[in-house]
C-alpha atoms as a PDB file:
ATOM      1  CA  MET A   1       0.000   0.000   0.000  1.00  0.00           C
ATOM      2  CA  CYS A   2       1.288   3.472  -0.882  1.00  0.00           C
ATOM      3  CA  ALA A   3       2.010   5.954   1.890  1.00  0.00           C
ATOM      4  CA  CYS A   4       1.974   8.709  -0.739  1.00  0.00           C
ATOM      5  CA  SER A   5       0.874  12.228  -0.078  1.00  0.00           C
ATOM      6  CA  MET A   6      -0.161  14.758  -2.693  1.00  0.00           C
ATOM      7  CA  GLU A   7       1.509  18.163  -2.492  1.00  0.00           C
ATOM      8  CA  ARG A   8      -0.610  21.210  -3.352  1.00  0.00           C
ATOM      9  CA  VAL A   9       0.691  24.715  -3.917  1.00  0.00           C
ATOM     10  CA  SER A  10      -2.200  27.168  -4.208  1.00  0.00           C
ATOM     11  CA  ARG A  11      -2.141  30.555  -5.873  1.00  0.00           C
ATOM     12  CA  ALA A  12      -2.050  32.130  -2.403  1.00  0.00           C
ATOM     13  CA  ASP A  13       1.002  29.991  -1.511  1.00  0.00           C
ATOM     14  CA  ARG A  14       3.108  31.310  -4.411  1.00  0.00           C
ATOM     15  CA  GLN A  15       5.959  33.547  -3.361  1.00  0.00           C
ATOM     16  CA  TYR A  16       7.705  35.319  -6.223  1.00  0.00           C
ATOM     17  CA  GLU A  17      11.362  36.238  -6.103  1.00  0.00           C
ATOM     18  CA  GLU A  18      12.885  38.740  -8.509  1.00  0.00           C
ATOM     19  CA  ARG A  19      15.886  36.672  -9.683  1.00  0.00           C
ATOM     20  CA  THR A  20      17.227  39.299 -12.097  1.00  0.00           C
ATOM     21  CA  PRO A  21      15.644  42.691 -12.905  1.00  0.00           C
ATOM     22  CA  GLY A  22      12.091  42.147 -14.158  1.00  0.00           C
ATOM     23  CA  VAL A  23      12.259  38.325 -13.992  1.00  0.00           C
ATOM     24  CA  TYR A  24      10.150  36.704 -11.254  1.00  0.00           C
ATOM     25  CA  LEU A  25      10.018  33.021 -10.272  1.00  0.00           C
ATOM     26  CA  ALA A  26       7.710  31.193  -7.875  1.00  0.00           C
ATOM     27  CA  ASP A  27       8.107  27.574  -6.827  1.00  0.00           C
ATOM     28  CA  LEU A  28       5.127  25.352  -7.536  1.00  0.00           C
ATOM     29  CA  ALA A  29       4.771  21.673  -6.647  1.00  0.00           C
ATOM     30  CA  ALA A  30       7.932  19.567  -6.752  1.00  0.00           C
ATOM     31  CA  GLY A  31       8.627  15.873  -6.494  1.00  0.00           C
ATOM     32  CA  GLU A  32      11.689  13.679  -6.324  1.00  0.00           C
ATOM     33  CA  ARG A  33      12.233  13.794 -10.107  1.00  0.00           C
ATOM     34  CA  THR A  34      10.711  17.105 -11.258  1.00  0.00           C
ATOM     35  CA  SER A  35      10.089  20.645 -10.100  1.00  0.00           C
ATOM     36  CA  MET A  36       7.672  23.212 -11.464  1.00  0.00           C
ATOM     37  CA  LYS A  37       8.117  26.996 -11.598  1.00  0.00           C
ATOM     38  CA  HIS A  38       5.651  29.770 -12.371  1.00  0.00           C
ATOM     39  CA  TRP A  39       7.440  32.654 -14.037  1.00  0.00           C
ATOM     40  CA  ARG A  40       6.754  36.227 -15.123  1.00  0.00           C
ATOM     41  CA  ILE A  41       9.046  38.331 -17.301  1.00  0.00           C
ATOM     42  CA  GLU A  42       8.197  42.031 -17.447  1.00  0.00           C
ATOM     43  CA  PRO A  43       8.312  44.035 -20.720  1.00  0.00           C
ATOM     44  CA  GLY A  44      11.917  44.882 -21.572  1.00  0.00           C
ATOM     45  CA  ALA A  45      13.355  42.311 -19.147  1.00  0.00           C
ATOM     46  CA  MET A  46      15.819  39.628 -20.184  1.00  0.00           C
ATOM     47  CA  LEU A  47      16.578  36.199 -18.782  1.00  0.00           C
ATOM     48  CA  PRO A  48      20.357  35.813 -19.303  1.00  0.00           C
ATOM     49  CA  VAL A  49      21.706  33.132 -21.597  1.00  0.00           C
ATOM     50  CA  HIS A  50      22.544  30.125 -19.442  1.00  0.00           C
ATOM     51  CA  ARG A  51      22.737  26.346 -19.281  1.00  0.00           C
ATOM     52  CA  HIS A  52      21.882  23.732 -16.678  1.00  0.00           C
ATOM     53  CA  PRO A  53      21.885  19.942 -16.552  1.00  0.00           C
ATOM     54  CA  ASN A  54      18.089  19.840 -16.181  1.00  0.00           C
ATOM     55  CA  GLU A  55      15.757  19.137 -19.069  1.00  0.00           C
ATOM     56  CA  GLN A  56      13.305  22.069 -19.172  1.00  0.00           C
ATOM     57  CA  VAL A  57       9.802  21.904 -20.612  1.00  0.00           C
ATOM     58  CA  GLY A  58       7.596  24.976 -20.578  1.00  0.00           C
ATOM     59  CA  TYR A  59       4.318  26.559 -21.606  1.00  0.00           C
ATOM     60  CA  LEU A  60       3.602  30.244 -22.325  1.00  0.00           C
ATOM     61  CA  VAL A  61       0.272  31.234 -20.765  1.00  0.00           C
ATOM     62  CA  SER A  62       0.144  34.915 -21.760  1.00  0.00           C
ATOM     63  CA  GLY A  63       2.211  37.645 -23.349  1.00  0.00           C
ATOM     64  CA  GLU A  64       4.929  37.126 -25.921  1.00  0.00           C
ATOM     65  CA  LEU A  65       8.506  36.010 -25.368  1.00  0.00           C
ATOM     66  CA  THR A  66      11.565  35.743 -27.597  1.00  0.00           C
ATOM     67  CA  ALA A  67      13.718  32.676 -26.935  1.00  0.00           C
ATOM     68  CA  ILE A  68      17.347  33.536 -27.649  1.00  0.00           C
ATOM     69  CA  LEU A  69      19.366  30.654 -29.047  1.00  0.00           C
ATOM     70  CA  GLU A  70      22.890  30.419 -30.474  1.00  0.00           C
ATOM     71  CA  ASP A  71      21.837  30.427 -34.103  1.00  0.00           C
ATOM     72  CA  ARG A  72      18.363  31.946 -34.029  1.00  0.00           C
ATOM     73  CA  GLU A  73      15.565  33.574 -32.106  1.00  0.00           C
ATOM     74  CA  VAL A  74      12.127  32.026 -31.716  1.00  0.00           C
ATOM     75  CA  THR A  75       9.019  34.035 -30.868  1.00  0.00           C
ATOM     76  CA  LEU A  76       6.733  32.276 -28.418  1.00  0.00           C
ATOM     77  CA  GLU A  77       3.042  33.176 -28.241  1.00  0.00           C
ATOM     78  CA  PRO A  78       0.332  32.171 -25.755  1.00  0.00           C
ATOM     79  CA  GLY A  79      -0.349  28.453 -26.027  1.00  0.00           C
ATOM     80  CA  ASP A  80       3.154  27.584 -27.295  1.00  0.00           C
ATOM     81  CA  SER A  81       5.184  24.907 -25.524  1.00  0.00           C
ATOM     82  CA  TYR A  82       8.921  24.314 -25.716  1.00  0.00           C
ATOM     83  CA  VAL A  83      11.678  22.020 -24.482  1.00  0.00           C
ATOM     84  CA  PHE A  84      15.370  22.641 -23.843  1.00  0.00           C
ATOM     85  CA  PRO A  85      17.437  19.453 -23.412  1.00  0.00           C
ATOM     86  CA  GLY A  86      19.871  19.447 -20.488  1.00  0.00           C
ATOM     87  CA  GLU A  87      23.065  21.483 -21.054  1.00  0.00           C
ATOM     88  CA  GLU A  88      21.588  23.452 -23.985  1.00  0.00           C
ATOM     89  CA  LEU A  89      22.289  27.187 -23.875  1.00  0.00           C
ATOM     90  CA  HIS A  90      19.207  29.392 -23.923  1.00  0.00           C
ATOM     91  CA  GLY A  91      17.845  32.732 -22.736  1.00  0.00           C
ATOM     92  CA  ALA A  92      14.749  34.867 -23.269  1.00  0.00           C
ATOM     93  CA  GLU A  93      13.671  38.478 -23.687  1.00  0.00           C
ATOM     94  CA  ASN A  94      10.265  40.105 -23.387  1.00  0.00           C
ATOM     95  CA  ARG A  95      10.073  42.564 -26.287  1.00  0.00           C
ATOM     96  CA  GLY A  96       6.314  42.999 -25.920  1.00  0.00           C
ATOM     97  CA  ASP A  97       4.130  45.487 -24.060  1.00  0.00           C
ATOM     98  CA  GLU A  98       2.745  43.128 -21.416  1.00  0.00           C
ATOM     99  CA  PRO A  99       4.265  40.630 -18.991  1.00  0.00           C
ATOM    100  CA  ALA A 100       5.085  37.182 -20.368  1.00  0.00           C
ATOM    101  CA  VAL A 101       3.738  34.539 -17.974  1.00  0.00           C
ATOM    102  CA  GLY A 102       4.339  30.815 -18.078  1.00  0.00           C
ATOM    103  CA  VAL A 103       5.138  27.557 -16.366  1.00  0.00           C
ATOM    104  CA  GLY A 104       8.415  25.640 -16.497  1.00  0.00           C
ATOM    105  CA  ILE A 105       9.074  22.061 -15.453  1.00  0.00           C
ATOM    106  CA  LEU A 106      12.604  20.903 -14.713  1.00  0.00           C
ATOM    107  CA  SER A 107      13.914  17.368 -14.404  1.00  0.00           C
ATOM    108  CA  PRO A 108      15.735  16.650 -12.226  1.00  0.00           C
ATOM    109  CA  PRO A 109      14.388  19.292  -9.817  1.00  0.00           C
ATOM    110  CA  ARG A 110      16.219  22.593  -9.515  1.00  0.00           C
ATOM    111  CA  GLU A 111      16.013  25.072  -6.679  1.00  0.00           C
ATOM    112  CA  ALA A 112      17.950  28.270  -7.491  1.00  0.00           C
ATOM    113  CA  PRO A 113      18.648  29.118 -11.138  1.00  0.00           C
ATOM    114  CA  ASP A 114      22.320  29.418 -12.089  1.00  0.00           C
ATOM    115  CA  TRP A 115      21.628  32.523 -14.188  1.00  0.00           C
ATOM    116  CA  ALA A 116      20.655  34.467 -11.078  1.00  0.00           C
ATOM    117  CA  ARG A 117      24.325  34.384 -10.052  1.00  0.00           C
ATOM    118  CA  ASP A 118      26.821  36.360 -12.156  1.00  0.00           C
ATOM    119  CA  ASP A 119      29.538  33.708 -11.912  1.00  0.00           C
ATOM    120  CA  ASN A 120      27.367  31.137 -13.730  1.00  0.00           C
ATOM    121  CA  THR A 121      25.932  33.283 -16.528  1.00  0.00           C
ATOM    122  CA  VAL A 122      26.977  32.005 -19.945  1.00  0.00           C
ATOM    123  CA  THR A 123      27.421  34.547 -22.706  1.00  0.00           C
ATOM    124  CA  GLY A 124      28.668  32.410 -25.584  1.00  0.00           C
ATOM    125  CA  GLY A 125      29.094  28.910 -26.923  1.00  0.00           C
ATOM    126  CA  GLU A 126      26.914  26.543 -28.880  1.00  0.00           C
ATOM    127  CA  ARG A 127      23.190  26.758 -28.318  1.00  0.00           C
ATOM    128  CA  SER A 128      20.154  24.968 -29.687  1.00  0.00           C
ATOM    129  CA  ALA A 129      16.674  24.021 -28.559  1.00  0.00           C
ATOM    130  CA  THR A 130      13.713  22.054 -29.768  1.00  0.00           C
ATOM    131  CA  MET A 131      10.633  24.285 -29.910  1.00  0.00           C
ATOM    132  CA  ARG A 132       7.044  23.230 -30.483  1.00  0.00           C
ATOM    133  CA  SER A 133       4.079  25.440 -31.158  1.00  0.00           C
ATOM    134  CA  ASP A 134       0.895  23.889 -29.750  1.00  0.00           C
ATOM    135  CA  SER A 135      -1.607  26.254 -31.328  1.00  0.00           C
END
């Protein structure tokens, strides 16, 4: 018999942290193998180019966001999903007029993002990502 217990994180439980100017993250439910983040990127804000060992899958709920990759930029619109394999370089910029809001799932779980610390920000190197538009 399972001694499992569901974890619930309500909207009222979310606590946003500004990890870099205009970029806010809130922890959602997390398990042993995955963690989920709710994020908001304000107009004009940029998530620095970075890499991490975690596979990252995400979904854009509202706003518009430009994913910045080594060889291209990809515009994400509400309803689009995306995936970055582990160790792939990626960043994002909100070039729109409203906040970009979405959800990211990381496996294995991650607590603090490396890009929030200057010593781990990556500014060059090879980058690529697999993007999907789920219109």
